[in-house]
Amino acid sequence: MLAQLRPAIVMIVLFTALNGLAYPLAITGVAQLVFPNRANGGVIERDGKIVGSSLIGQNFTSDRYFHGRPSATSTPDPADSTKTVDAPYNAANSSGSNLGPTSQKLVDRVSSAIEAEFAAGRIDLVAADAATTSGSGLDPHISPQFALAQVPAVAKAGGLNEERVRVLVEEHTEQRFVGLIGEPRVNVLQLNLALDALRPEIISNRRH
């Protein structure tokens, strides 16, 4: 009996040590060495305070800031826990809309997003990510086309020079990885933080 149990016990202890301890520690060490920012959540700090993550989008609503793409995340309805209500960029409930192309709710939402962009004067031609959600609902990036389309409205709302804001977008446009993988993109949080940094500069110039 013991002769049969011993190999099983040894294997359990061995693989627990390998898969439960050695492997996670090795992967964590490699991640900290090769991708320390991503391994630690892409946390962004300003004035010693955490303001967000470069890996998870936020819901910007002010006209003075660039907006991310629509988000289909939700949260339990406070009035009825069996139902949900919209909660854009809810990191605790990452999800897409899961609506099919024949869904009237999807058609209405996309149409509403397009109308809102036109009404705000942010676009002349709708970029796809201006009206569609990502699979996670937490995409921190938008396309350069969508970012540039928002420049006039953001500059006007913030009292900034439109050309300077346009240059800011271009400076924060990330290109394809090694020129081949992915698409050009703009991190919305980093762009808006740069926008905040631009405002004191503008105020200082006006004083002089």
C-alpha atoms as a PDB file:
ATOM      1  CA  MET A   1       0.000   0.000   0.000  1.00  0.00           C
ATOM      2  CA  LEU A   2       2.712   2.470   1.047  1.00  0.00           C
ATOM      3  CA  ALA A   3       4.790   1.472  -1.966  1.00  0.00           C
ATOM      4  CA  GLN A   4       1.884   2.519  -4.201  1.00  0.00           C
ATOM      5  CA  LEU A   5       1.162   5.766  -2.370  1.00  0.00           C
ATOM      6  CA  ARG A   6       4.773   6.957  -2.186  1.00  0.00           C
ATOM      7  CA  PRO A   7       5.188   7.670  -5.946  1.00  0.00           C
ATOM      8  CA  ALA A   8       1.831   9.480  -6.023  1.00  0.00           C
ATOM      9  CA  ILE A   9       2.733  11.646  -3.031  1.00  0.00           C
ATOM     10  CA  VAL A  10       6.173  12.420  -4.460  1.00  0.00           C
ATOM     11  CA  MET A  11       4.653  13.433  -7.801  1.00  0.00           C
ATOM     12  CA  ILE A  12       2.073  15.653  -6.100  1.00  0.00           C
ATOM     13  CA  VAL A  13       4.751  17.430  -4.064  1.00  0.00           C
ATOM     14  CA  LEU A  14       7.090  17.705  -7.072  1.00  0.00           C
ATOM     15  CA  PHE A  15       4.536  19.152  -9.493  1.00  0.00           C
ATOM     16  CA  THR A  16       3.084  21.423  -6.808  1.00  0.00           C
ATOM     17  CA  ALA A  17       6.554  22.858  -6.272  1.00  0.00           C
ATOM     18  CA  LEU A  18       7.224  23.151 -10.008  1.00  0.00           C
ATOM     19  CA  ASN A  19       3.843  24.461 -11.231  1.00  0.00           C
ATOM     20  CA  GLY A  20       2.669  26.229  -8.099  1.00  0.00           C
ATOM     21  CA  LEU A  21       5.898  27.856  -6.998  1.00  0.00           C
ATOM     22  CA  ALA A  22       8.878  27.668  -9.357  1.00  0.00           C
ATOM     23  CA  TYR A  23       7.008  28.394 -12.609  1.00  0.00           C
ATOM     24  CA  PRO A  24       4.994  31.412 -11.318  1.00  0.00           C
ATOM     25  CA  LEU A  25       8.109  32.891  -9.707  1.00  0.00           C
ATOM     26  CA  ALA A  26      10.125  32.413 -12.907  1.00  0.00           C
ATOM     27  CA  ILE A  27       7.427  34.016 -15.094  1.00  0.00           C
ATOM     28  CA  THR A  28       7.022  36.892 -12.622  1.00  0.00           C
ATOM     29  CA  GLY A  29      10.761  37.467 -12.622  1.00  0.00           C
ATOM     30  CA  VAL A  30      10.967  37.463 -16.428  1.00  0.00           C
ATOM     31  CA  ALA A  31       7.976  39.822 -16.672  1.00  0.00           C
ATOM     32  CA  GLN A  32       9.515  42.241 -14.155  1.00  0.00           C
ATOM     33  CA  LEU A  33      12.794  42.150 -16.064  1.00  0.00           C
ATOM     34  CA  VAL A  34      11.459  42.414 -19.636  1.00  0.00           C
ATOM     35  CA  PHE A  35       8.091  44.235 -19.243  1.00  0.00           C
ATOM     36  CA  PRO A  36       8.152  45.913 -15.803  1.00  0.00           C
ATOM     37  CA  ASN A  37       5.538  48.542 -16.670  1.00  0.00           C
ATOM     38  CA  ARG A  38       3.032  46.052 -18.048  1.00  0.00           C
ATOM     39  CA  ALA A  39       3.746  43.530 -15.303  1.00  0.00           C
ATOM     40  CA  ASN A  40       2.803  46.156 -12.727  1.00  0.00           C
ATOM     41  CA  GLY A  41      -0.425  47.144 -14.451  1.00  0.00           C
ATOM     42  CA  GLY A  42       0.830  50.090 -16.499  1.00  0.00           C
ATOM     43  CA  VAL A  43       0.087  52.397 -13.567  1.00  0.00           C
ATOM     44  CA  ILE A  44       0.434  56.136 -14.323  1.00  0.00           C
ATOM     45  CA  GLU A  45       1.118  58.620 -11.534  1.00  0.00           C
ATOM     46  CA  ARG A  46       0.886  62.403 -11.459  1.00  0.00           C
ATOM     47  CA  ASP A  47       2.059  64.484  -8.520  1.00  0.00           C
ATOM     48  CA  GLY A  48       2.534  61.298  -6.515  1.00  0.00           C
ATOM     49  CA  LYS A  49      -1.042  60.096  -7.085  1.00  0.00           C
ATOM     50  CA  ILE A  50      -2.203  57.221  -9.261  1.00  0.00           C
ATOM     51  CA  VAL A  51      -4.446  58.631 -11.998  1.00  0.00           C
ATOM     52  CA  GLY A  52      -5.000  55.490 -14.033  1.00  0.00           C
ATOM     53  CA  SER A  53      -3.432  52.795 -16.136  1.00  0.00           C
ATOM     54  CA  SER A  54      -2.072  52.891 -19.662  1.00  0.00           C
ATOM     55  CA  LEU A  55      -3.598  49.427 -20.144  1.00  0.00           C
ATOM     56  CA  ILE A  56      -7.202  50.152 -19.065  1.00  0.00           C
ATOM     57  CA  GLY A  57      -9.387  52.891 -20.513  1.00  0.00           C
ATOM     58  CA  GLN A  58     -11.322  55.500 -18.545  1.00  0.00           C
ATOM     59  CA  ASN A  59     -14.626  57.217 -19.211  1.00  0.00           C
ATOM     60  CA  PHE A  60     -13.828  60.862 -20.044  1.00  0.00           C
ATOM     61  CA  THR A  61     -16.988  62.966 -20.361  1.00  0.00           C
ATOM     62  CA  SER A  62     -15.742  66.579 -20.298  1.00  0.00           C
ATOM     63  CA  ASP A  63     -15.593  68.397 -23.646  1.00  0.00           C
ATOM     64  CA  ARG A  64     -12.113  69.608 -22.645  1.00  0.00           C
ATOM     65  CA  TYR A  65     -10.745  66.076 -22.961  1.00  0.00           C
ATOM     66  CA  PHE A  66     -10.406  63.514 -25.710  1.00  0.00           C
ATOM     67  CA  HIS A  67     -12.973  60.726 -25.454  1.00  0.00           C
ATOM     68  CA  GLY A  68     -12.275  57.022 -25.761  1.00  0.00           C
ATOM     69  CA  ARG A  69     -14.357  54.680 -27.857  1.00  0.00           C
ATOM     70  CA  PRO A  70     -17.804  53.637 -26.584  1.00  0.00           C
ATOM     71  CA  SER A  71     -17.831  50.963 -23.877  1.00  0.00           C
ATOM     72  CA  ALA A  72     -20.455  48.247 -23.389  1.00  0.00           C
ATOM     73  CA  THR A  73     -19.547  47.301 -19.815  1.00  0.00           C
ATOM     74  CA  SER A  74     -22.290  47.249 -17.216  1.00  0.00           C
ATOM     75  CA  THR A  75     -22.948  46.932 -13.484  1.00  0.00           C
ATOM     76  CA  PRO A  76     -25.814  45.436 -11.409  1.00  0.00           C
ATOM     77  CA  ASP A  77     -28.864  47.674 -11.236  1.00  0.00           C
ATOM     78  CA  PRO A  78     -29.057  49.132  -7.673  1.00  0.00           C
ATOM     79  CA  ALA A  79     -32.843  48.892  -7.860  1.00  0.00           C
ATOM     80  CA  ASP A  80     -32.924  45.289  -9.120  1.00  0.00           C
ATOM     81  CA  SER A  81     -29.896  43.006  -8.750  1.00  0.00           C
ATOM     82  CA  THR A  82     -31.248  40.665 -11.429  1.00  0.00           C
ATOM     83  CA  LYS A  83     -30.755  43.378 -14.049  1.00  0.00           C
ATOM     84  CA  THR A  84     -27.813  45.468 -15.219  1.00  0.00           C
ATOM     85  CA  VAL A  85     -27.327  49.099 -16.177  1.00  0.00           C
ATOM     86  CA  ASP A  86     -24.741  50.685 -18.436  1.00  0.00           C
ATOM     87  CA  ALA A  87     -21.459  51.549 -16.702  1.00  0.00           C
ATOM     88  CA  PRO A  88     -18.858  52.542 -19.319  1.00  0.00           C
ATOM     89  CA  TYR A  89     -15.295  51.395 -18.606  1.00  0.00           C
ATOM     90  CA  ASN A  90     -16.268  49.343 -15.555  1.00  0.00           C
ATOM     91  CA  ALA A  91     -13.010  47.431 -15.022  1.00  0.00           C
ATOM     92  CA  ALA A  92     -14.740  45.050 -12.622  1.00  0.00           C
ATOM     93  CA  ASN A  93     -16.969  43.741 -15.406  1.00  0.00           C
ATOM     94  CA  SER A  94     -14.965  43.663 -18.628  1.00  0.00           C
ATOM     95  CA  SER A  95     -17.143  42.595 -21.547  1.00  0.00           C
ATOM     96  CA  GLY A  96     -18.319  43.390 -25.047  1.00  0.00           C
ATOM     97  CA  SER A  97     -21.923  43.964 -26.014  1.00  0.00           C
ATOM     98  CA  ASN A  98     -22.360  40.493 -27.577  1.00  0.00           C
ATOM     99  CA  LEU A  99     -25.004  41.989 -29.880  1.00  0.00           C
ATOM    100  CA  GLY A 100     -25.438  40.585 -33.384  1.00  0.00           C
ATOM    101  CA  PRO A 101     -25.556  42.649 -36.604  1.00  0.00           C
ATOM    102  CA  THR A 102     -29.349  42.349 -36.721  1.00  0.00           C
ATOM    103  CA  SER A 103     -29.793  43.681 -33.179  1.00  0.00           C
ATOM    104  CA  GLN A 104     -31.920  46.831 -33.095  1.00  0.00           C
ATOM    105  CA  LYS A 105     -30.241  47.824 -29.824  1.00  0.00           C
ATOM    106  CA  LEU A 106     -26.875  47.749 -31.584  1.00  0.00           C
ATOM    107  CA  VAL A 107     -28.196  49.768 -34.525  1.00  0.00           C
ATOM    108  CA  ASP A 108     -29.701  52.354 -32.175  1.00  0.00           C
ATOM    109  CA  ARG A 109     -26.511  52.650 -30.128  1.00  0.00           C
ATOM    110  CA  VAL A 110     -24.244  53.077 -33.150  1.00  0.00           C
ATOM    111  CA  SER A 111     -26.639  55.592 -34.711  1.00  0.00           C
ATOM    112  CA  SER A 112     -26.798  57.509 -31.432  1.00  0.00           C
ATOM    113  CA  ALA A 113     -22.991  57.591 -31.170  1.00  0.00           C
ATOM    114  CA  ILE A 114     -22.647  58.893 -34.723  1.00  0.00           C
ATOM    115  CA  GLU A 115     -25.287  61.576 -34.171  1.00  0.00           C
ATOM    116  CA  ALA A 116     -23.586  62.651 -30.937  1.00  0.00           C
ATOM    117  CA  GLU A 117     -20.242  63.045 -32.696  1.00  0.00           C
ATOM    118  CA  PHE A 118     -21.768  65.153 -35.444  1.00  0.00           C
ATOM    119  CA  ALA A 119     -23.744  67.236 -32.943  1.00  0.00           C
ATOM    120  CA  ALA A 120     -20.598  67.951 -30.937  1.00  0.00           C
ATOM    121  CA  GLY A 121     -18.828  69.053 -34.093  1.00  0.00           C
ATOM    122  CA  ARG A 122     -16.045  66.589 -33.421  1.00  0.00           C
ATOM    123  CA  ILE A 123     -16.106  64.813 -36.778  1.00  0.00           C
ATOM    124  CA  ASP A 124     -16.786  65.194 -40.468  1.00  0.00           C
ATOM    125  CA  LEU A 125     -16.197  61.511 -41.214  1.00  0.00           C
ATOM    126  CA  VAL A 126     -16.896  58.894 -38.550  1.00  0.00           C
ATOM    127  CA  ALA A 127     -13.970  56.666 -37.563  1.00  0.00           C
ATOM    128  CA  ALA A 128     -15.070  53.094 -36.826  1.00  0.00           C
ATOM    129  CA  ASP A 129     -13.943  53.275 -33.197  1.00  0.00           C
ATOM    130  CA  ALA A 130     -16.001  56.409 -32.624  1.00  0.00           C
ATOM    131  CA  ALA A 131     -19.188  54.364 -32.818  1.00  0.00           C
ATOM    132  CA  THR A 132     -18.231  50.770 -31.968  1.00  0.00           C
ATOM    133  CA  THR A 133     -17.160  49.170 -28.703  1.00  0.00           C
ATOM    134  CA  SER A 134     -14.126  46.961 -28.136  1.00  0.00           C
ATOM    135  CA  GLY A 135     -14.358  43.313 -27.105  1.00  0.00           C
ATOM    136  CA  SER A 136     -13.257  44.121 -23.551  1.00  0.00           C
ATOM    137  CA  GLY A 137     -15.030  47.460 -23.165  1.00  0.00           C
ATOM    138  CA  LEU A 138     -11.785  48.756 -21.643  1.00  0.00           C
ATOM    139  CA  ASP A 139      -9.695  49.648 -24.694  1.00  0.00           C
ATOM    140  CA  PRO A 140      -7.309  52.465 -23.630  1.00  0.00           C
ATOM    141  CA  HIS A 141      -6.534  53.454 -27.228  1.00  0.00           C
ATOM    142  CA  ILE A 142      -8.308  55.134 -30.112  1.00  0.00           C
ATOM    143  CA  SER A 143      -7.293  55.472 -33.733  1.00  0.00           C
ATOM    144  CA  PRO A 144      -5.335  58.552 -34.853  1.00  0.00           C
ATOM    145  CA  GLN A 145      -8.287  59.368 -37.130  1.00  0.00           C
ATOM    146  CA  PHE A 146     -10.693  59.494 -34.184  1.00  0.00           C
ATOM    147  CA  ALA A 147      -8.238  61.521 -32.090  1.00  0.00           C
ATOM    148  CA  LEU A 148      -7.571  64.062 -34.855  1.00  0.00           C
ATOM    149  CA  ALA A 149     -11.300  64.410 -35.504  1.00  0.00           C
ATOM    150  CA  GLN A 150     -11.770  65.526 -31.884  1.00  0.00           C
ATOM    151  CA  VAL A 151      -9.029  68.183 -32.024  1.00  0.00           C
ATOM    152  CA  PRO A 152     -11.215  71.212 -33.003  1.00  0.00           C
ATOM    153  CA  ALA A 153     -13.809  70.557 -30.287  1.00  0.00           C
ATOM    154  CA  VAL A 154     -11.210  69.829 -27.582  1.00  0.00           C
ATOM    155  CA  ALA A 155      -9.168  72.919 -28.486  1.00  0.00           C
ATOM    156  CA  LYS A 156     -12.264  75.129 -28.479  1.00  0.00           C
ATOM    157  CA  ALA A 157     -13.570  73.796 -25.152  1.00  0.00           C
ATOM    158  CA  GLY A 158     -10.185  74.206 -23.487  1.00  0.00           C
ATOM    159  CA  GLY A 159      -9.280  77.534 -25.032  1.00  0.00           C
ATOM    160  CA  LEU A 160      -6.206  76.044 -26.687  1.00  0.00           C
ATOM    161  CA  ASN A 161      -4.525  76.563 -30.027  1.00  0.00           C
ATOM    162  CA  GLU A 162      -5.951  73.987 -32.419  1.00  0.00           C
ATOM    163  CA  GLU A 163      -2.682  73.396 -34.251  1.00  0.00           C
ATOM    164  CA  ARG A 164      -0.828  72.829 -30.955  1.00  0.00           C
ATOM    165  CA  VAL A 165      -3.403  70.234 -29.918  1.00  0.00           C
ATOM    166  CA  ARG A 166      -3.091  68.557 -33.307  1.00  0.00           C
ATOM    167  CA  VAL A 167       0.686  68.322 -32.862  1.00  0.00           C
ATOM    168  CA  LEU A 168       0.089  66.826 -29.406  1.00  0.00           C
ATOM    169  CA  VAL A 169      -1.980  64.044 -30.973  1.00  0.00           C
ATOM    170  CA  GLU A 170       0.717  63.354 -33.534  1.00  0.00           C
ATOM    171  CA  GLU A 171       3.363  63.248 -30.793  1.00  0.00           C
ATOM    172  CA  HIS A 172       1.324  60.656 -28.895  1.00  0.00           C
ATOM    173  CA  THR A 173       0.528  58.426 -31.857  1.00  0.00           C
ATOM    174  CA  GLU A 174       2.090  54.999 -31.373  1.00  0.00           C
ATOM    175  CA  GLN A 175       3.092  53.210 -34.575  1.00  0.00           C
ATOM    176  CA  ARG A 176       2.845  49.527 -35.470  1.00  0.00           C
ATOM    177  CA  PHE A 177       5.152  47.265 -33.475  1.00  0.00           C
ATOM    178  CA  VAL A 178       8.330  46.755 -35.565  1.00  0.00           C
ATOM    179  CA  GLY A 179       6.382  48.419 -38.366  1.00  0.00           C
ATOM    180  CA  LEU A 180       4.222  45.352 -38.970  1.00  0.00           C
ATOM    181  CA  ILE A 181       2.110  44.290 -35.985  1.00  0.00           C
ATOM    182  CA  GLY A 182      -1.054  46.090 -34.891  1.00  0.00           C
ATOM    183  CA  GLU A 183      -2.357  49.472 -35.986  1.00  0.00           C
ATOM    184  CA  PRO A 184      -1.323  53.060 -35.211  1.00  0.00           C
ATOM    185  CA  ARG A 185      -3.046  54.137 -31.995  1.00  0.00           C
ATOM    186  CA  VAL A 186      -3.289  56.889 -29.397  1.00  0.00           C
ATOM    187  CA  ASN A 187      -3.491  56.243 -25.657  1.00  0.00           C
ATOM    188  CA  VAL A 188      -6.356  58.458 -24.459  1.00  0.00           C
ATOM    189  CA  LEU A 189      -5.224  58.832 -20.837  1.00  0.00           C
ATOM    190  CA  GLN A 190      -1.659  59.749 -21.767  1.00  0.00           C
ATOM    191  CA  LEU A 191      -2.926  62.213 -24.366  1.00  0.00           C
ATOM    192  CA  ASN A 192      -5.262  63.881 -21.862  1.00  0.00           C
ATOM    193  CA  LEU A 193      -2.481  64.126 -19.273  1.00  0.00           C
ATOM    194  CA  ALA A 194      -0.329  65.834 -21.901  1.00  0.00           C
ATOM    195  CA  LEU A 195      -3.275  68.125 -22.580  1.00  0.00           C
ATOM    196  CA  ASP A 196      -3.399  69.060 -18.889  1.00  0.00           C
ATOM    197  CA  ALA A 197       0.328  69.786 -18.963  1.00  0.00           C
ATOM    198  CA  LEU A 198      -0.218  72.048 -21.982  1.00  0.00           C
ATOM    199  CA  ARG A 199      -2.731  74.310 -20.227  1.00  0.00           C
ATOM    200  CA  PRO A 200      -0.317  75.843 -17.658  1.00  0.00           C
ATOM    201  CA  GLU A 201       2.057  76.480 -20.554  1.00  0.00           C
ATOM    202  CA  ILE A 202      -0.660  78.375 -22.432  1.00  0.00           C
ATOM    203  CA  ILE A 203      -1.621  80.381 -19.329  1.00  0.00           C
ATOM    204  CA  SER A 204       2.026  81.257 -18.688  1.00  0.00           C
ATOM    205  CA  ASN A 205       2.485  82.455 -22.279  1.00  0.00           C
ATOM    206  CA  ARG A 206      -0.628  84.636 -22.040  1.00  0.00           C
ATOM    207  CA  ARG A 207       0.687  86.301 -18.886  1.00  0.00           C
ATOM    208  CA  HIS A 208       3.836  87.265 -20.724  1.00  0.00           C
END
